[in-house]
Amino acid sequence: MQDDAATVATLREQLAFAAEFRVPILDVGVGGYGEEVVKRAPGGTRWAVTDGAFSGLRAWGDGEGWRYITDIGRAATYRHNRDQALKGGPPGRAARDGLLRGRDRRGR
């Protein structure tokens, strides 16, 4: 039991260094593989769900869809805590969320 607690503590320390997560969007019959990039604000603690583009980067806003960061500003972009950003995002994430709960995309 003590080894488990030490492992969890180590993982939490390492997680604090993460600056981004690449979240797969599984092919649900409308294209191919895709991903979102959940990014931490530079030097901050807030997170954004982005499309990961090298130029013309967009962030996801519930009820707003994908919006260019240059149009909405940093405060509106980095509005989530890490857990909210990893759980939120566009509707295409439903298939990925099922996979994270131990199911494949057919719901098994």
N, C-alpha and C. Protein backbone atom coordinates (compact mmCIF):
# COMPACT_ATOMS: atom_id res chain seq x y z
N MET A 1 0.83 -1.20 0.00
CA MET A 1 0.00 0.00 0.00
C MET A 1 0.87 1.26 0.00
N GLN A 2 1.97 1.22 0.73
CA GLN A 2 2.83 2.38 0.80
C GLN A 2 3.48 2.66 -0.55
N ASP A 3 3.82 1.61 -1.31
CA ASP A 3 4.39 1.80 -2.64
C ASP A 3 3.39 2.49 -3.57
N ASP A 4 2.11 2.13 -3.45
CA ASP A 4 1.08 2.77 -4.26
C ASP A 4 1.00 4.27 -3.96
N ALA A 5 1.05 4.61 -2.69
CA ALA A 5 0.98 6.03 -2.30
C ALA A 5 2.20 6.78 -2.84
N ALA A 6 3.36 6.17 -2.79
CA ALA A 6 4.57 6.82 -3.31
C ALA A 6 4.48 6.99 -4.82
N THR A 7 3.93 6.00 -5.50
CA THR A 7 3.77 6.08 -6.96
C THR A 7 2.82 7.20 -7.33
N VAL A 8 1.71 7.29 -6.62
CA VAL A 8 0.74 8.36 -6.88
C VAL A 8 1.37 9.72 -6.62
N ALA A 9 2.11 9.85 -5.56
CA ALA A 9 2.76 11.12 -5.24
C ALA A 9 3.76 11.50 -6.34
N THR A 10 4.51 10.53 -6.82
CA THR A 10 5.47 10.79 -7.89
C THR A 10 4.76 11.21 -9.17
N LEU A 11 3.67 10.52 -9.51
CA LEU A 11 2.91 10.87 -10.70
C LEU A 11 2.33 12.28 -10.61
N ARG A 12 1.86 12.66 -9.43
CA ARG A 12 1.32 14.02 -9.24
C ARG A 12 2.40 15.07 -9.44
N GLU A 13 3.60 14.79 -8.93
CA GLU A 13 4.71 15.73 -9.12
C GLU A 13 5.06 15.87 -10.59
N GLN A 14 5.10 14.74 -11.31
CA GLN A 14 5.42 14.77 -12.73
C GLN A 14 4.33 15.46 -13.54
N LEU A 15 3.08 15.25 -13.17
CA LEU A 15 1.96 15.85 -13.87
C LEU A 15 2.00 17.38 -13.80
N ALA A 16 2.55 17.90 -12.72
CA ALA A 16 2.65 19.35 -12.56
C ALA A 16 3.52 19.98 -13.64
N PHE A 17 4.41 19.19 -14.26
CA PHE A 17 5.28 19.71 -15.32
C PHE A 17 4.62 19.71 -16.69
N ALA A 18 3.50 19.03 -16.84
CA ALA A 18 2.84 18.92 -18.15
C ALA A 18 2.38 20.29 -18.62
N ALA A 19 2.63 20.57 -19.89
CA ALA A 19 2.19 21.83 -20.49
C ALA A 19 1.08 21.61 -21.50
N GLU A 20 0.95 20.36 -21.99
CA GLU A 20 -0.13 20.05 -22.92
C GLU A 20 -0.43 18.56 -22.93
N PHE A 21 -1.65 18.26 -23.34
CA PHE A 21 -2.10 16.88 -23.52
C PHE A 21 -2.69 16.78 -24.92
N ARG A 22 -2.38 15.71 -25.61
CA ARG A 22 -2.98 15.45 -26.93
C ARG A 22 -4.09 14.43 -26.73
N VAL A 23 -5.32 14.87 -27.01
CA VAL A 23 -6.50 14.05 -26.75
C VAL A 23 -7.04 13.54 -28.08
N PRO A 24 -7.02 12.22 -28.30
CA PRO A 24 -7.50 11.69 -29.59
C PRO A 24 -9.01 11.82 -29.74
N ILE A 25 -9.41 12.09 -30.96
CA ILE A 25 -10.82 12.03 -31.34
C ILE A 25 -10.91 10.86 -32.28
N LEU A 26 -11.58 9.82 -31.86
CA LEU A 26 -11.62 8.60 -32.64
C LEU A 26 -12.47 8.75 -33.89
N ASP A 27 -12.13 7.98 -34.89
CA ASP A 27 -12.90 7.96 -36.12
C ASP A 27 -14.26 7.34 -35.82
N VAL A 28 -15.29 8.13 -35.98
CA VAL A 28 -16.65 7.63 -35.76
C VAL A 28 -17.41 7.57 -37.08
N GLY A 29 -16.64 7.35 -38.17
CA GLY A 29 -17.25 7.18 -39.46
C GLY A 29 -17.37 8.43 -40.29
N VAL A 30 -16.75 9.52 -39.87
CA VAL A 30 -16.88 10.77 -40.62
C VAL A 30 -15.53 11.28 -41.12
N GLY A 31 -14.50 10.53 -41.01
CA GLY A 31 -13.20 11.01 -41.46
C GLY A 31 -12.13 10.06 -41.00
N GLY A 32 -11.19 10.57 -40.32
CA GLY A 32 -10.09 9.76 -39.82
C GLY A 32 -9.73 10.17 -38.42
N TYR A 33 -8.50 9.92 -38.08
CA TYR A 33 -8.00 10.27 -36.76
C TYR A 33 -7.90 11.79 -36.63
N GLY A 34 -8.17 12.28 -35.47
CA GLY A 34 -7.98 13.69 -35.15
C GLY A 34 -7.61 13.82 -33.70
N GLU A 35 -7.18 14.98 -33.32
CA GLU A 35 -6.87 15.20 -31.91
C GLU A 35 -7.07 16.66 -31.55
N GLU A 36 -7.33 16.86 -30.29
CA GLU A 36 -7.36 18.18 -29.70
C GLU A 36 -6.10 18.30 -28.87
N VAL A 37 -5.67 19.51 -28.66
CA VAL A 37 -4.52 19.75 -27.79
C VAL A 37 -5.00 20.60 -26.64
N VAL A 38 -4.92 20.04 -25.45
CA VAL A 38 -5.28 20.76 -24.22
C VAL A 38 -3.98 21.40 -23.72
N LYS A 39 -3.96 22.72 -23.71
CA LYS A 39 -2.73 23.47 -23.40
C LYS A 39 -2.89 24.30 -22.13
N ARG A 40 -1.81 24.33 -21.36
CA ARG A 40 -1.76 25.20 -20.18
C ARG A 40 -1.30 26.59 -20.61
N ALA A 41 -1.88 27.61 -20.02
CA ALA A 41 -1.47 28.99 -20.31
C ALA A 41 0.00 29.15 -19.93
N PRO A 42 0.79 29.80 -20.77
CA PRO A 42 2.19 30.01 -20.43
C PRO A 42 2.33 30.71 -19.08
N GLY A 43 3.04 30.06 -18.17
CA GLY A 43 3.27 30.62 -16.85
C GLY A 43 2.05 30.65 -15.95
N GLY A 44 0.98 29.94 -16.34
CA GLY A 44 -0.26 30.00 -15.56
C GLY A 44 -0.76 28.64 -15.12
N THR A 45 -1.97 28.66 -14.59
CA THR A 45 -2.60 27.43 -14.12
C THR A 45 -3.88 27.11 -14.87
N ARG A 46 -4.31 28.00 -15.76
CA ARG A 46 -5.54 27.78 -16.53
C ARG A 46 -5.22 27.05 -17.82
N TRP A 47 -6.23 26.34 -18.37
CA TRP A 47 -6.04 25.48 -19.53
C TRP A 47 -7.06 25.82 -20.62
N ALA A 48 -6.69 25.47 -21.87
CA ALA A 48 -7.57 25.67 -23.03
C ALA A 48 -7.66 24.38 -23.83
N VAL A 49 -8.81 24.17 -24.46
CA VAL A 49 -9.00 23.08 -25.43
C VAL A 49 -8.78 23.72 -26.80
N THR A 50 -7.73 23.29 -27.51
CA THR A 50 -7.40 23.90 -28.80
C THR A 50 -7.43 22.86 -29.92
N ASP A 51 -7.38 23.37 -31.15
CA ASP A 51 -7.32 22.46 -32.29
C ASP A 51 -5.88 22.09 -32.64
N GLY A 52 -4.90 22.66 -31.94
CA GLY A 52 -3.51 22.29 -32.11
C GLY A 52 -2.85 22.84 -33.37
N ALA A 53 -3.49 23.75 -34.07
CA ALA A 53 -2.93 24.29 -35.31
C ALA A 53 -1.63 25.06 -35.03
N PHE A 54 -0.71 25.02 -36.00
CA PHE A 54 0.54 25.79 -35.87
C PHE A 54 0.29 27.27 -36.11
N SER A 55 -0.66 27.59 -36.96
CA SER A 55 -1.04 28.98 -37.17
C SER A 55 -2.57 29.03 -37.24
N GLY A 56 -3.12 30.13 -36.81
CA GLY A 56 -4.58 30.23 -36.77
C GLY A 56 -5.18 29.33 -35.69
N LEU A 57 -4.50 29.26 -34.55
CA LEU A 57 -4.94 28.39 -33.44
C LEU A 57 -6.33 28.79 -32.96
N ARG A 58 -7.17 27.80 -32.78
CA ARG A 58 -8.53 28.03 -32.30
C ARG A 58 -8.74 27.30 -30.98
N ALA A 59 -9.64 27.85 -30.15
CA ALA A 59 -10.01 27.24 -28.87
C ALA A 59 -11.49 26.90 -28.91
N TRP A 60 -11.86 25.86 -28.16
CA TRP A 60 -13.25 25.42 -28.09
C TRP A 60 -13.94 26.15 -26.95
N GLY A 61 -15.14 26.66 -27.23
CA GLY A 61 -15.98 27.25 -26.20
C GLY A 61 -17.34 26.60 -26.25
N ASP A 62 -17.80 26.08 -25.13
CA ASP A 62 -19.12 25.46 -25.10
C ASP A 62 -20.17 26.47 -25.55
N GLY A 63 -21.00 26.06 -26.48
CA GLY A 63 -22.02 26.94 -27.02
C GLY A 63 -21.50 27.90 -28.06
N GLU A 64 -20.19 27.96 -28.22
CA GLU A 64 -19.58 28.89 -29.17
C GLU A 64 -18.86 28.16 -30.31
N GLY A 65 -18.46 26.92 -30.08
CA GLY A 65 -17.70 26.18 -31.07
C GLY A 65 -16.24 26.63 -31.10
N TRP A 66 -15.57 26.36 -32.21
CA TRP A 66 -14.17 26.74 -32.37
C TRP A 66 -14.07 28.22 -32.71
N ARG A 67 -13.25 28.93 -31.94
CA ARG A 67 -13.04 30.37 -32.15
C ARG A 67 -11.55 30.65 -32.19
N TYR A 68 -11.13 31.54 -33.08
CA TYR A 68 -9.72 31.92 -33.16
C TYR A 68 -9.30 32.63 -31.87
N ILE A 69 -8.16 32.22 -31.34
CA ILE A 69 -7.67 32.82 -30.10
C ILE A 69 -7.43 34.31 -30.28
N THR A 70 -6.99 34.69 -31.46
CA THR A 70 -6.77 36.13 -31.72
C THR A 70 -8.07 36.92 -31.65
N ASP A 71 -9.21 36.27 -31.87
CA ASP A 71 -10.51 36.96 -31.81
C ASP A 71 -11.07 37.04 -30.40
N ILE A 72 -10.80 36.01 -29.58
CA ILE A 72 -11.44 35.97 -28.26
C ILE A 72 -10.52 36.36 -27.11
N GLY A 73 -9.21 36.38 -27.32
CA GLY A 73 -8.26 36.78 -26.29
C GLY A 73 -7.87 35.63 -25.36
N ARG A 74 -6.82 35.86 -24.62
CA ARG A 74 -6.25 34.82 -23.75
C ARG A 74 -7.15 34.47 -22.58
N ALA A 75 -7.82 35.45 -21.99
CA ALA A 75 -8.67 35.16 -20.83
C ALA A 75 -9.81 34.21 -21.20
N ALA A 76 -10.41 34.42 -22.36
CA ALA A 76 -11.49 33.54 -22.81
C ALA A 76 -10.96 32.20 -23.30
N THR A 77 -9.72 32.18 -23.76
CA THR A 77 -9.12 30.94 -24.26
C THR A 77 -8.76 30.01 -23.10
N TYR A 78 -8.01 30.52 -22.15
CA TYR A 78 -7.53 29.71 -21.03
C TYR A 78 -8.48 29.88 -19.85
N ARG A 79 -9.66 29.31 -19.95
CA ARG A 79 -10.69 29.54 -18.94
C ARG A 79 -10.98 28.34 -18.06
N HIS A 80 -10.33 27.21 -18.30
CA HIS A 80 -10.64 25.98 -17.59
C HIS A 80 -9.53 25.59 -16.63
N ASN A 81 -9.88 24.80 -15.60
CA ASN A 81 -8.82 24.12 -14.87
C ASN A 81 -8.46 22.87 -15.68
N ARG A 82 -7.41 22.18 -15.32
CA ARG A 82 -6.94 21.04 -16.12
C ARG A 82 -8.01 19.98 -16.30
N ASP A 83 -8.70 19.61 -15.23
CA ASP A 83 -9.72 18.56 -15.32
C ASP A 83 -10.87 18.96 -16.23
N GLN A 84 -11.32 20.21 -16.13
CA GLN A 84 -12.40 20.69 -17.01
C GLN A 84 -11.97 20.62 -18.47
N ALA A 85 -10.76 21.04 -18.76
CA ALA A 85 -10.27 21.05 -20.14
C ALA A 85 -10.16 19.62 -20.69
N LEU A 86 -9.71 18.69 -19.87
CA LEU A 86 -9.56 17.31 -20.34
C LEU A 86 -10.92 16.64 -20.52
N LYS A 87 -11.92 17.06 -19.79
CA LYS A 87 -13.26 16.46 -19.90
C LYS A 87 -14.16 17.19 -20.89
N GLY A 88 -13.86 18.45 -21.18
CA GLY A 88 -14.71 19.25 -22.06
C GLY A 88 -14.33 19.08 -23.51
N GLY A 89 -14.84 19.98 -24.35
CA GLY A 89 -14.49 19.95 -25.76
C GLY A 89 -15.67 19.63 -26.64
N PRO A 90 -15.41 19.52 -27.94
CA PRO A 90 -16.50 19.33 -28.90
C PRO A 90 -17.18 17.98 -28.81
N PRO A 91 -18.35 17.86 -29.41
CA PRO A 91 -19.13 16.62 -29.33
C PRO A 91 -18.41 15.38 -29.83
N GLY A 92 -17.47 15.49 -30.74
CA GLY A 92 -16.74 14.34 -31.25
C GLY A 92 -15.98 13.58 -30.19
N ARG A 93 -15.87 14.17 -29.04
CA ARG A 93 -15.15 13.53 -27.96
C ARG A 93 -15.93 12.37 -27.33
N ALA A 94 -17.19 12.24 -27.59
CA ALA A 94 -17.99 11.20 -26.94
C ALA A 94 -17.39 9.82 -27.16
N ALA A 95 -16.92 9.54 -28.35
CA ALA A 95 -16.32 8.22 -28.62
C ALA A 95 -15.06 8.03 -27.80
N ARG A 96 -14.25 9.09 -27.69
CA ARG A 96 -13.02 9.00 -26.90
C ARG A 96 -13.34 8.81 -25.43
N ASP A 97 -14.35 9.51 -24.94
CA ASP A 97 -14.72 9.38 -23.54
C ASP A 97 -15.16 7.97 -23.21
N GLY A 98 -15.88 7.32 -24.12
CA GLY A 98 -16.27 5.93 -23.92
C GLY A 98 -15.06 5.03 -23.82
N LEU A 99 -14.04 5.31 -24.64
CA LEU A 99 -12.81 4.52 -24.59
C LEU A 99 -12.12 4.68 -23.25
N LEU A 100 -12.11 5.91 -22.73
CA LEU A 100 -11.48 6.15 -21.45
C LEU A 100 -12.21 5.45 -20.31
N ARG A 101 -13.50 5.20 -20.49
CA ARG A 101 -14.26 4.48 -19.47
C ARG A 101 -14.15 2.97 -19.66
N GLY A 102 -13.28 2.53 -20.58
CA GLY A 102 -13.07 1.11 -20.77
C GLY A 102 -13.94 0.48 -21.82
N ARG A 103 -14.58 1.28 -22.68
CA ARG A 103 -15.41 0.75 -23.73
C ARG A 103 -14.80 1.10 -25.07
N ASP A 104 -15.04 0.26 -26.06
CA ASP A 104 -14.60 0.65 -27.39
C ASP A 104 -15.66 1.53 -28.03
N ARG A 105 -15.44 1.96 -29.25
CA ARG A 105 -16.38 2.91 -29.85
C ARG A 105 -17.72 2.31 -30.20
N ARG A 106 -17.87 1.00 -30.09
CA ARG A 106 -19.17 0.37 -30.30
C ARG A 106 -19.93 0.25 -28.96
N GLY A 107 -19.36 0.78 -27.88
CA GLY A 107 -20.05 0.76 -26.60
C GLY A 107 -19.85 -0.49 -25.78
N ARG A 108 -18.89 -1.31 -26.16
CA ARG A 108 -18.63 -2.56 -25.43
C ARG A 108 -17.62 -2.37 -24.33
